[in-house]
Each structure stands twice: as C-alpha cells, then as structure tokens.
Amino acid sequence: MHKILVVMLVPRSQDDWLRASHDRLDLRHCCYWTNLAGHPITGRRRTTVRIPTSRIFDDRALCEIMTRVGTGGRP
C-alpha cells in the first residue's frame, strides 16, 4: 500500500486564511507532499520527515500521483 504525507501550512491567524474582495478570492495556504516509502523511522515516538517545497500538493500533483499509481508505479 502506498503512503504519502501531505502537510498544509497556513497563516498563524485564522483570520488571514481567506481574503475576499469584489474582484478576487485568495485562499492563503499551501500543501506539500512526500512519498513515505522507504523513509526511515528515526525515533520511537517521533520521526522527522523533510518535504521539499518543490513538491506542492495541488490538483495537478494529485492527478500525476494517481496516474503513476494506476499504472503500477510509485507516487
């Protein structure tokens, strides 16, 4: 079974997550993802995982992951 980790970063203040105006709607957050396959366990209670900021998790990334898994590949 494939496992990916998705981490979402949001502004500290919940009031800053969403900005709406007459000509635009800004949702301020970003998700990053990584494949956990082969990732070593670094501790008993906690494991450190570094996720490259180049791996943005969005609609395109999800479609690409699903396509790779659908053809027998890894995320």
C-alpha atoms as a PDB file:
ATOM      1  CA  MET A   1       0.000   0.000   0.000  1.00  0.00           C
ATOM      2  CA  HIS A   2       1.342   3.391  -0.975  1.00  0.00           C
ATOM      3  CA  LYS A   3       1.573   6.087   1.680  1.00  0.00           C
ATOM      4  CA  ILE A   4       2.088   9.775   1.136  1.00  0.00           C
ATOM      5  CA  LEU A   5       2.311  12.515   3.714  1.00  0.00           C
ATOM      6  CA  VAL A   6       0.590  15.826   2.971  1.00  0.00           C
ATOM      7  CA  VAL A   7       1.444  18.833   5.129  1.00  0.00           C
ATOM      8  CA  MET A   8      -0.598  22.015   4.941  1.00  0.00           C
ATOM      9  CA  LEU A   9       0.899  25.339   6.017  1.00  0.00           C
ATOM     10  CA  VAL A  10      -1.487  28.127   6.954  1.00  0.00           C
ATOM     11  CA  PRO A  11      -1.010  31.597   8.412  1.00  0.00           C
ATOM     12  CA  ARG A  12      -0.996  31.668  12.231  1.00  0.00           C
ATOM     13  CA  SER A  13      -4.131  33.775  12.433  1.00  0.00           C
ATOM     14  CA  GLN A  14      -7.265  32.050  11.149  1.00  0.00           C
ATOM     15  CA  ASP A  15      -8.489  35.483  10.003  1.00  0.00           C
ATOM     16  CA  ASP A  16      -5.640  35.522   7.448  1.00  0.00           C
ATOM     17  CA  TRP A  17      -6.564  32.199   5.798  1.00  0.00           C
ATOM     18  CA  LEU A  18      -9.081  33.702   3.394  1.00  0.00           C
ATOM     19  CA  ARG A  19      -9.352  37.150   1.817  1.00  0.00           C
ATOM     20  CA  ALA A  20     -12.373  38.108  -0.267  1.00  0.00           C
ATOM     21  CA  SER A  21     -12.952  41.220  -2.361  1.00  0.00           C
ATOM     22  CA  HIS A  22     -15.115  42.187  -5.333  1.00  0.00           C
ATOM     23  CA  ASP A  23     -12.616  41.002  -7.926  1.00  0.00           C
ATOM     24  CA  ARG A  24     -10.799  38.105  -6.234  1.00  0.00           C
ATOM     25  CA  LEU A  25     -10.844  35.416  -3.598  1.00  0.00           C
ATOM     26  CA  ASP A  26      -7.487  34.446  -2.064  1.00  0.00           C
ATOM     27  CA  LEU A  27      -7.111  31.263  -0.067  1.00  0.00           C
ATOM     28  CA  ARG A  28      -3.774  31.579   1.705  1.00  0.00           C
ATOM     29  CA  HIS A  29      -2.260  28.203   2.345  1.00  0.00           C
ATOM     30  CA  CYS A  30      -0.018  25.676   0.702  1.00  0.00           C
ATOM     31  CA  CYS A  31       0.275  21.907   0.844  1.00  0.00           C
ATOM     32  CA  TYR A  32       3.423  19.895   0.241  1.00  0.00           C
ATOM     33  CA  TRP A  33       3.710  16.141  -0.131  1.00  0.00           C
ATOM     34  CA  THR A  34       6.229  13.335   0.001  1.00  0.00           C
ATOM     35  CA  ASN A  35       6.211   9.582  -0.532  1.00  0.00           C
ATOM     36  CA  LEU A  36       6.875   7.760   2.746  1.00  0.00           C
ATOM     37  CA  ALA A  37       8.021   4.523   1.088  1.00  0.00           C
ATOM     38  CA  GLY A  38      11.484   3.662   2.348  1.00  0.00           C
ATOM     39  CA  HIS A  39      11.580   6.583   4.749  1.00  0.00           C
ATOM     40  CA  PRO A  40      13.498   5.533   7.863  1.00  0.00           C
ATOM     41  CA  ILE A  41      11.938   5.643  11.314  1.00  0.00           C
ATOM     42  CA  THR A  42      14.173   7.978  13.310  1.00  0.00           C
ATOM     43  CA  GLY A  43      12.701   7.575  16.788  1.00  0.00           C
ATOM     44  CA  ARG A  44      10.245   5.697  18.960  1.00  0.00           C
ATOM     45  CA  ARG A  45       7.665   8.448  19.326  1.00  0.00           C
ATOM     46  CA  ARG A  46       8.651  10.926  16.643  1.00  0.00           C
ATOM     47  CA  THR A  47      10.091  10.694  13.192  1.00  0.00           C
ATOM     48  CA  THR A  48      11.470  13.660  11.298  1.00  0.00           C
ATOM     49  CA  VAL A  49      10.344  13.960   7.687  1.00  0.00           C
ATOM     50  CA  ARG A  50      11.640  16.649   5.378  1.00  0.00           C
ATOM     51  CA  ILE A  51       9.404  17.629   2.486  1.00  0.00           C
ATOM     52  CA  PRO A  52      10.862  19.585  -0.430  1.00  0.00           C
ATOM     53  CA  THR A  53       8.929  22.800  -1.080  1.00  0.00           C
ATOM     54  CA  SER A  54       9.134  21.950  -4.771  1.00  0.00           C
ATOM     55  CA  ARG A  55       6.544  19.196  -4.153  1.00  0.00           C
ATOM     56  CA  ILE A  56       3.398  21.295  -3.977  1.00  0.00           C
ATOM     57  CA  PHE A  57       0.259  19.216  -3.466  1.00  0.00           C
ATOM     58  CA  ASP A  58      -2.423  20.583  -5.758  1.00  0.00           C
ATOM     59  CA  ASP A  59      -4.862  19.220  -8.329  1.00  0.00           C
ATOM     60  CA  ARG A  60      -2.111  18.542 -10.866  1.00  0.00           C
ATOM     61  CA  ALA A  61       0.089  16.759  -8.345  1.00  0.00           C
ATOM     62  CA  LEU A  62      -2.818  14.564  -7.241  1.00  0.00           C
ATOM     63  CA  CYS A  63      -3.648  13.611 -10.843  1.00  0.00           C
ATOM     64  CA  GLU A  64       0.007  12.794 -11.548  1.00  0.00           C
ATOM     65  CA  ILE A  65       0.258  10.676  -8.384  1.00  0.00           C
ATOM     66  CA  MET A  66      -2.933   8.782  -9.247  1.00  0.00           C
ATOM     67  CA  THR A  67      -1.759   8.212 -12.826  1.00  0.00           C
ATOM     68  CA  ARG A  68       1.581   6.795 -11.668  1.00  0.00           C
ATOM     69  CA  VAL A  69      -0.071   4.530  -9.080  1.00  0.00           C
ATOM     70  CA  GLY A  70      -2.727   3.483 -11.616  1.00  0.00           C
ATOM     71  CA  THR A  71      -0.038   2.257 -13.995  1.00  0.00           C
ATOM     72  CA  GLY A  72       1.718   0.290 -11.267  1.00  0.00           C
ATOM     73  CA  GLY A  73       4.262   2.934 -10.316  1.00  0.00           C
ATOM     74  CA  ARG A  74       5.020   4.687  -7.056  1.00  0.00           C
ATOM     75  CA  PRO A  75       3.522   8.000  -6.006  1.00  0.00           C
END
